[in-house]
Amino acid sequence: MLSFIYRLCREFEREMGYAPNVLFINAAHLQRLQESFAGESDLSVIRQRLGLEVLLRADAVHPSVNWQLSASRKAS
């Protein structure tokens, strides 16, 4: 899961010229992501380690990244 997110971020940055700041995932993706962080359940720790705001969306079929002003305000 982490390598997939890393690849998404690299592709986004290569295309757009700036890094993403938000990750869209669903509940199942979140569970896999928590497992990737050795069972870490604290979402704030995962956000900090990824450097991305994590937003849960029920309609997120696949994880995706983007840049949003509102997410950059939360990260500050």
PDB file of N, CA and C in Angstrom:
ATOM      1  N   MET A   1       0.822  -1.184   0.000  1.00  0.00           N
ATOM      2  CA  MET A   1       0.000   0.000   0.000  1.00  0.00           C
ATOM      3  C   MET A   1       0.873   1.257   0.000  1.00  0.00           C
ATOM      4  N   LEU A   2       1.909   1.265   0.808  1.00  0.00           N
ATOM      5  CA  LEU A   2       2.775   2.449   0.870  1.00  0.00           C
ATOM      6  C   LEU A   2       3.479   2.704  -0.455  1.00  0.00           C
ATOM      7  N   SER A   3       3.927   1.656  -1.113  1.00  0.00           N
ATOM      8  CA  SER A   3       4.609   1.856  -2.393  1.00  0.00           C
ATOM      9  C   SER A   3       3.638   2.389  -3.446  1.00  0.00           C
ATOM     10  N   PHE A   4       2.389   1.964  -3.390  1.00  0.00           N
ATOM     11  CA  PHE A   4       1.379   2.464  -4.318  1.00  0.00           C
ATOM     12  C   PHE A   4       1.128   3.954  -4.080  1.00  0.00           C
ATOM     13  N   ILE A   5       0.993   4.352  -2.825  1.00  0.00           N
ATOM     14  CA  ILE A   5       0.782   5.766  -2.484  1.00  0.00           C
ATOM     15  C   ILE A   5       1.991   6.594  -2.896  1.00  0.00           C
ATOM     16  N   TYR A   6       3.185   6.072  -2.647  1.00  0.00           N
ATOM     17  CA  TYR A   6       4.406   6.772  -3.049  1.00  0.00           C
ATOM     18  C   TYR A   6       4.420   6.992  -4.559  1.00  0.00           C
ATOM     19  N   ARG A   7       4.053   5.962  -5.304  1.00  0.00           N
ATOM     20  CA  ARG A   7       4.025   6.063  -6.773  1.00  0.00           C
ATOM     21  C   ARG A   7       2.982   7.094  -7.232  1.00  0.00           C
ATOM     22  N   LEU A   8       1.816   7.098  -6.595  1.00  0.00           N
ATOM     23  CA  LEU A   8       0.799   8.101  -6.906  1.00  0.00           C
ATOM     24  C   LEU A   8       1.340   9.519  -6.684  1.00  0.00           C
ATOM     25  N   CYS A   9       2.020   9.709  -5.570  1.00  0.00           N
ATOM     26  CA  CYS A   9       2.567  11.035  -5.243  1.00  0.00           C
ATOM     27  C   CYS A   9       3.633  11.459  -6.246  1.00  0.00           C
ATOM     28  N   ARG A  10       4.500  10.550  -6.615  1.00  0.00           N
ATOM     29  CA  ARG A  10       5.567  10.864  -7.586  1.00  0.00           C
ATOM     30  C   ARG A  10       4.970  11.213  -8.952  1.00  0.00           C
ATOM     31  N   GLU A  11       3.992  10.437  -9.395  1.00  0.00           N
ATOM     32  CA  GLU A  11       3.354  10.701 -10.687  1.00  0.00           C
ATOM     33  C   GLU A  11       2.625  12.039 -10.669  1.00  0.00           C
ATOM     34  N   PHE A  12       1.934  12.332  -9.575  1.00  0.00           N
ATOM     35  CA  PHE A  12       1.228  13.607  -9.443  1.00  0.00           C
ATOM     36  C   PHE A  12       2.231  14.760  -9.516  1.00  0.00           C
ATOM     37  N   GLU A  13       3.323  14.646  -8.763  1.00  0.00           N
ATOM     38  CA  GLU A  13       4.320  15.719  -8.748  1.00  0.00           C
ATOM     39  C   GLU A  13       4.985  15.887 -10.112  1.00  0.00           C
ATOM     40  N   ARG A  14       5.241  14.799 -10.797  1.00  0.00           N
ATOM     41  CA  ARG A  14       5.856  14.874 -12.125  1.00  0.00           C
ATOM     42  C   ARG A  14       4.908  15.566 -13.116  1.00  0.00           C
ATOM     43  N   GLU A  15       3.622  15.250 -13.050  1.00  0.00           N
ATOM     44  CA  GLU A  15       2.647  15.848 -13.963  1.00  0.00           C
ATOM     45  C   GLU A  15       2.329  17.303 -13.636  1.00  0.00           C
ATOM     46  N   MET A  16       2.158  17.601 -12.342  1.00  0.00           N
ATOM     47  CA  MET A  16       1.668  18.912 -11.942  1.00  0.00           C
ATOM     48  C   MET A  16       2.772  19.907 -11.592  1.00  0.00           C
ATOM     49  N   GLY A  17       3.950  19.410 -11.234  1.00  0.00           N
ATOM     50  CA  GLY A  17       5.048  20.296 -10.866  1.00  0.00           C
ATOM     51  C   GLY A  17       5.067  20.662  -9.386  1.00  0.00           C
ATOM     52  N   TYR A  18       4.173  20.086  -8.595  1.00  0.00           N
ATOM     53  CA  TYR A  18       4.145  20.304  -7.147  1.00  0.00           C
ATOM     54  C   TYR A  18       3.579  19.047  -6.488  1.00  0.00           C
ATOM     55  N   ALA A  19       3.905  18.887  -5.231  1.00  0.00           N
ATOM     56  CA  ALA A  19       3.521  17.675  -4.512  1.00  0.00           C
ATOM     57  C   ALA A  19       2.064  17.725  -4.063  1.00  0.00           C
ATOM     58  N   PRO A  20       1.417  16.571  -3.997  1.00  0.00           N
ATOM     59  CA  PRO A  20       0.049  16.532  -3.474  1.00  0.00           C
ATOM     60  C   PRO A  20       0.058  16.745  -1.962  1.00  0.00           C
ATOM     61  N   ASN A  21      -1.095  17.112  -1.418  1.00  0.00           N
ATOM     62  CA  ASN A  21      -1.181  17.256   0.032  1.00  0.00           C
ATOM     63  C   ASN A  21      -2.375  16.521   0.630  1.00  0.00           C
ATOM     64  N   VAL A  22      -3.096  15.774  -0.202  1.00  0.00           N
ATOM     65  CA  VAL A  22      -4.252  15.038   0.305  1.00  0.00           C
ATOM     66  C   VAL A  22      -4.333  13.659  -0.360  1.00  0.00           C
ATOM     67  N   LEU A  23      -4.700  12.677   0.435  1.00  0.00           N
ATOM     68  CA  LEU A  23      -4.886  11.303  -0.021  1.00  0.00           C
ATOM     69  C   LEU A  23      -6.340  10.931   0.202  1.00  0.00           C
ATOM     70  N   PHE A  24      -7.024  10.492  -0.846  1.00  0.00           N
ATOM     71  CA  PHE A  24      -8.407  10.035  -0.767  1.00  0.00           C
ATOM     72  C   PHE A  24      -8.419   8.515  -0.743  1.00  0.00           C
ATOM     73  N   ILE A  25      -9.009   7.948   0.308  1.00  0.00           N
ATOM     74  CA  ILE A  25      -9.097   6.492   0.432  1.00  0.00           C
ATOM     75  C   ILE A  25     -10.454   6.127   1.040  1.00  0.00           C
ATOM     76  N   ASN A  26     -10.798   4.850   0.935  1.00  0.00           N
ATOM     77  CA  ASN A  26     -12.011   4.376   1.594  1.00  0.00           C
ATOM     78  C   ASN A  26     -11.618   3.628   2.873  1.00  0.00           C
ATOM     79  N   ALA A  27     -12.596   3.122   3.595  1.00  0.00           N
ATOM     80  CA  ALA A  27     -12.334   2.469   4.884  1.00  0.00           C
ATOM     81  C   ALA A  27     -11.456   1.217   4.740  1.00  0.00           C
ATOM     82  N   ALA A  28     -11.654   0.459   3.676  1.00  0.00           N
ATOM     83  CA  ALA A  28     -10.823  -0.733   3.464  1.00  0.00           C
ATOM     84  C   ALA A  28      -9.375  -0.346   3.187  1.00  0.00           C
ATOM     85  N   HIS A  29      -9.177   0.726   2.412  1.00  0.00           N
ATOM     86  CA  HIS A  29      -7.816   1.206   2.154  1.00  0.00           C
ATOM     87  C   HIS A  29      -7.168   1.660   3.454  1.00  0.00           C
ATOM     88  N   LEU A  30      -7.938   2.339   4.301  1.00  0.00           N
ATOM     89  CA  LEU A  30      -7.402   2.819   5.574  1.00  0.00           C
ATOM     90  C   LEU A  30      -6.928   1.651   6.422  1.00  0.00           C
ATOM     91  N   GLN A  31      -7.693   0.584   6.448  1.00  0.00           N
ATOM     92  CA  GLN A  31      -7.293  -0.594   7.216  1.00  0.00           C
ATOM     93  C   GLN A  31      -5.971  -1.160   6.693  1.00  0.00           C
ATOM     94  N   ARG A  32      -5.829  -1.255   5.386  1.00  0.00           N
ATOM     95  CA  ARG A  32      -4.572  -1.747   4.804  1.00  0.00           C
ATOM     96  C   ARG A  32      -3.422  -0.799   5.097  1.00  0.00           C
ATOM     97  N   LEU A  33      -3.705   0.509   5.060  1.00  0.00           N
ATOM     98  CA  LEU A  33      -2.679   1.504   5.353  1.00  0.00           C
ATOM     99  C   LEU A  33      -2.221   1.383   6.812  1.00  0.00           C
ATOM    100  N   GLN A  34      -3.154   1.195   7.714  1.00  0.00           N
ATOM    101  CA  GLN A  34      -2.805   1.013   9.124  1.00  0.00           C
ATOM    102  C   GLN A  34      -1.952  -0.234   9.310  1.00  0.00           C
ATOM    103  N   GLU A  35      -2.249  -1.283   8.587  1.00  0.00           N
ATOM    104  CA  GLU A  35      -1.435  -2.503   8.638  1.00  0.00           C
ATOM    105  C   GLU A  35      -0.026  -2.238   8.118  1.00  0.00           C
ATOM    106  N   SER A  36       0.100  -1.373   7.111  1.00  0.00           N
ATOM    107  CA  SER A  36       1.414  -1.015   6.564  1.00  0.00           C
ATOM    108  C   SER A  36       2.266  -0.270   7.581  1.00  0.00           C
ATOM    109  N   PHE A  37       1.613   0.404   8.500  1.00  0.00           N
ATOM    110  CA  PHE A  37       2.311   1.123   9.563  1.00  0.00           C
ATOM    111  C   PHE A  37       2.310   0.301  10.847  1.00  0.00           C
ATOM    112  N   ALA A  38       2.507  -0.997  10.713  1.00  0.00           N
ATOM    113  CA  ALA A  38       2.606  -1.925  11.837  1.00  0.00           C
ATOM    114  C   ALA A  38       1.404  -1.817  12.775  1.00  0.00           C
ATOM    115  N   GLY A  39       0.213  -1.700  12.196  1.00  0.00           N
ATOM    116  CA  GLY A  39      -0.994  -1.664  12.996  1.00  0.00           C
ATOM    117  C   GLY A  39      -1.267  -0.327  13.665  1.00  0.00           C
ATOM    118  N   GLU A  40      -0.575   0.718  13.260  1.00  0.00           N
ATOM    119  CA  GLU A  40      -0.785   2.059  13.830  1.00  0.00           C
ATOM    120  C   GLU A  40      -2.210   2.499  13.541  1.00  0.00           C
ATOM    121  N   SER A  41      -2.979   2.765  14.592  1.00  0.00           N
ATOM    122  CA  SER A  41      -4.376   3.145  14.388  1.00  0.00           C
ATOM    123  C   SER A  41      -4.589   4.656  14.501  1.00  0.00           C
ATOM    124  N   ASP A  42      -3.614   5.382  15.009  1.00  0.00           N
ATOM    125  CA  ASP A  42      -3.750   6.832  15.172  1.00  0.00           C
ATOM    126  C   ASP A  42      -3.570   7.514  13.817  1.00  0.00           C
ATOM    127  N   LEU A  43      -4.666   8.031  13.287  1.00  0.00           N
ATOM    128  CA  LEU A  43      -4.645   8.639  11.957  1.00  0.00           C
ATOM    129  C   LEU A  43      -3.731   9.861  11.901  1.00  0.00           C
ATOM    130  N   SER A  44      -3.589  10.585  12.996  1.00  0.00           N
ATOM    131  CA  SER A  44      -2.704  11.756  12.994  1.00  0.00           C
ATOM    132  C   SER A  44      -1.242  11.344  12.811  1.00  0.00           C
ATOM    133  N   VAL A  45      -0.858  10.209  13.354  1.00  0.00           N
ATOM    134  CA  VAL A  45       0.508   9.699  13.166  1.00  0.00           C
ATOM    135  C   VAL A  45       0.716   9.315  11.705  1.00  0.00           C
ATOM    136  N   ILE A  46      -0.261   8.649  11.116  1.00  0.00           N
ATOM    137  CA  ILE A  46      -0.160   8.252   9.710  1.00  0.00           C
ATOM    138  C   ILE A  46      -0.097   9.482   8.820  1.00  0.00           C
ATOM    139  N   ARG A  47      -0.932  10.485   9.095  1.00  0.00           N
ATOM    140  CA  ARG A  47      -0.906  11.728   8.316  1.00  0.00           C
ATOM    141  C   ARG A  47       0.465  12.383   8.385  1.00  0.00           C
ATOM    142  N   GLN A  48       1.015  12.434   9.574  1.00  0.00           N
ATOM    143  CA  GLN A  48       2.322  13.070   9.751  1.00  0.00           C
ATOM    144  C   GLN A  48       3.407  12.319   8.988  1.00  0.00           C
ATOM    145  N   ARG A  49       3.401  11.010   9.073  1.00  0.00           N
ATOM    146  CA  ARG A  49       4.426  10.218   8.386  1.00  0.00           C
ATOM    147  C   ARG A  49       4.303  10.302   6.875  1.00  0.00           C
ATOM    148  N   LEU A  50       3.073  10.350   6.370  1.00  0.00           N
ATOM    149  CA  LEU A  50       2.867  10.457   4.919  1.00  0.00           C
ATOM    150  C   LEU A  50       3.097  11.881   4.415  1.00  0.00           C
ATOM    151  N   GLY A  51       2.867  12.858   5.273  1.00  0.00           N
ATOM    152  CA  GLY A  51       2.929  14.248   4.828  1.00  0.00           C
ATOM    153  C   GLY A  51       1.713  14.614   3.996  1.00  0.00           C
ATOM    154  N   LEU A  52       0.621  13.891   4.213  1.00  0.00           N
ATOM    155  CA  LEU A  52      -0.617  14.087   3.463  1.00  0.00           C
ATOM    156  C   LEU A  52      -1.797  14.111   4.421  1.00  0.00           C
ATOM    157  N   GLU A  53      -2.768  14.944   4.127  1.00  0.00           N
ATOM    158  CA  GLU A  53      -4.045  14.866   4.833  1.00  0.00           C
ATOM    159  C   GLU A  53      -4.754  13.632   4.277  1.00  0.00           C
ATOM    160  N   VAL A  54      -5.347  12.832   5.133  1.00  0.00           N
ATOM    161  CA  VAL A  54      -6.028  11.611   4.715  1.00  0.00           C
ATOM    162  C   VAL A  54      -7.531  11.836   4.837  1.00  0.00           C
ATOM    163  N   LEU A  55      -8.215  11.747   3.715  1.00  0.00           N
ATOM    164  CA  LEU A  55      -9.659  11.944   3.690  1.00  0.00           C
ATOM    165  C   LEU A  55     -10.345  10.653   3.275  1.00  0.00           C
ATOM    166  N   LEU A  56     -11.264  10.200   4.112  1.00  0.00           N
ATOM    167  CA  LEU A  56     -12.021   8.985   3.811  1.00  0.00           C
ATOM    168  C   LEU A  56     -13.222   9.329   2.946  1.00  0.00           C
ATOM    169  N   ARG A  57     -13.358   8.579   1.874  1.00  0.00           N
ATOM    170  CA  ARG A  57     -14.495   8.745   0.964  1.00  0.00           C
ATOM    171  C   ARG A  57     -15.039   7.368   0.637  1.00  0.00           C
ATOM    172  N   ALA A  58     -16.315   7.173   0.874  1.00  0.00           N
ATOM    173  CA  ALA A  58     -16.942   5.884   0.590  1.00  0.00           C
ATOM    174  C   ALA A  58     -16.889   5.549  -0.890  1.00  0.00           C
ATOM    175  N   ASP A  59     -16.855   6.575  -1.754  1.00  0.00           N
ATOM    176  CA  ASP A  59     -16.852   6.340  -3.198  1.00  0.00           C
ATOM    177  C   ASP A  59     -15.452   6.216  -3.793  1.00  0.00           C
ATOM    178  N   ALA A  60     -14.430   6.178  -2.956  1.00  0.00           N
ATOM    179  CA  ALA A  60     -13.046   6.048  -3.445  1.00  0.00           C
ATOM    180  C   ALA A  60     -12.773   4.585  -3.790  1.00  0.00           C
ATOM    181  N   VAL A  61     -12.896   4.262  -5.068  1.00  0.00           N
ATOM    182  CA  VAL A  61     -12.664   2.889  -5.508  1.00  0.00           C
ATOM    183  C   VAL A  61     -11.182   2.546  -5.407  1.00  0.00           C
ATOM    184  N   HIS A  62     -10.343   3.508  -5.774  1.00  0.00           N
ATOM    185  CA  HIS A  62      -8.894   3.357  -5.689  1.00  0.00           C
ATOM    186  C   HIS A  62      -8.340   4.558  -4.924  1.00  0.00           C
ATOM    187  N   PRO A  63      -7.225   4.380  -4.190  1.00  0.00           N
ATOM    188  CA  PRO A  63      -6.604   5.541  -3.556  1.00  0.00           C
ATOM    189  C   PRO A  63      -6.207   6.561  -4.630  1.00  0.00           C
ATOM    190  N   SER A  64      -6.318   7.831  -4.293  1.00  0.00           N
ATOM    191  CA  SER A  64      -5.888   8.884  -5.206  1.00  0.00           C
ATOM    192  C   SER A  64      -5.341  10.046  -4.389  1.00  0.00           C
ATOM    193  N   VAL A  65      -4.529  10.870  -5.037  1.00  0.00           N
ATOM    194  CA  VAL A  65      -3.951  12.037  -4.381  1.00  0.00           C
ATOM    195  C   VAL A  65      -4.311  13.285  -5.166  1.00  0.00           C
ATOM    196  N   ASN A  66      -4.246  14.417  -4.482  1.00  0.00           N
ATOM    197  CA  ASN A  66      -4.530  15.699  -5.117  1.00  0.00           C
ATOM    198  C   ASN A  66      -3.951  16.785  -4.228  1.00  0.00           C
ATOM    199  N   TRP A  67      -4.128  18.036  -4.639  1.00  0.00           N
ATOM    200  CA  TRP A  67      -3.736  19.171  -3.821  1.00  0.00           C
ATOM    201  C   TRP A  67      -4.976  20.007  -3.587  1.00  0.00           C
ATOM    202  N   GLN A  68      -5.226  20.323  -2.312  1.00  0.00           N
ATOM    203  CA  GLN A  68      -6.369  21.141  -1.957  1.00  0.00           C
ATOM    204  C   GLN A  68      -5.940  22.194  -0.960  1.00  0.00           C
ATOM    205  N   LEU A  69      -6.414  23.394  -1.145  1.00  0.00           N
ATOM    206  CA  LEU A  69      -6.081  24.489  -0.249  1.00  0.00           C
ATOM    207  C   LEU A  69      -6.535  24.174   1.172  1.00  0.00           C
ATOM    208  N   SER A  70      -7.722  23.632   1.333  1.00  0.00           N
ATOM    209  CA  SER A  70      -8.233  23.341   2.673  1.00  0.00           C
ATOM    210  C   SER A  70      -7.344  22.336   3.400  1.00  0.00           C
ATOM    211  N   ALA A  71      -6.754  21.385   2.685  1.00  0.00           N
ATOM    212  CA  ALA A  71      -5.864  20.406   3.304  1.00  0.00           C
ATOM    213  C   ALA A  71      -4.557  21.069   3.724  1.00  0.00           C
ATOM    214  N   SER A  72      -4.076  22.050   2.951  1.00  0.00           N
ATOM    215  CA  SER A  72      -2.832  22.714   3.324  1.00  0.00           C
ATOM    216  C   SER A  72      -3.031  23.562   4.574  1.00  0.00           C
ATOM    217  N   ARG A  73      -4.216  24.079   4.785  1.00  0.00           N
ATOM    218  CA  ARG A  73      -4.504  24.840   5.997  1.00  0.00           C
ATOM    219  C   ARG A  73      -4.500  23.921   7.218  1.00  0.00           C
ATOM    220  N   LYS A  74      -5.030  22.711   7.079  1.00  0.00           N
ATOM    221  CA  LYS A  74      -5.042  21.756   8.190  1.00  0.00           C
ATOM    222  C   LYS A  74      -3.629  21.334   8.561  1.00  0.00           C
ATOM    223  N   ALA A  75      -2.777  21.183   7.565  1.00  0.00           N
ATOM    224  CA  ALA A  75      -1.424  20.706   7.815  1.00  0.00           C
ATOM    225  C   ALA A  75      -0.541  21.753   8.466  1.00  0.00           C
ATOM    226  N   SER A  76      -0.895  23.008   8.340  1.00  0.00           N
ATOM    227  CA  SER A  76      -0.061  24.081   8.903  1.00  0.00           C
ATOM    228  C   SER A  76      -0.101  24.121  10.400  1.00  0.00           C
TER     229      SER A  76
END
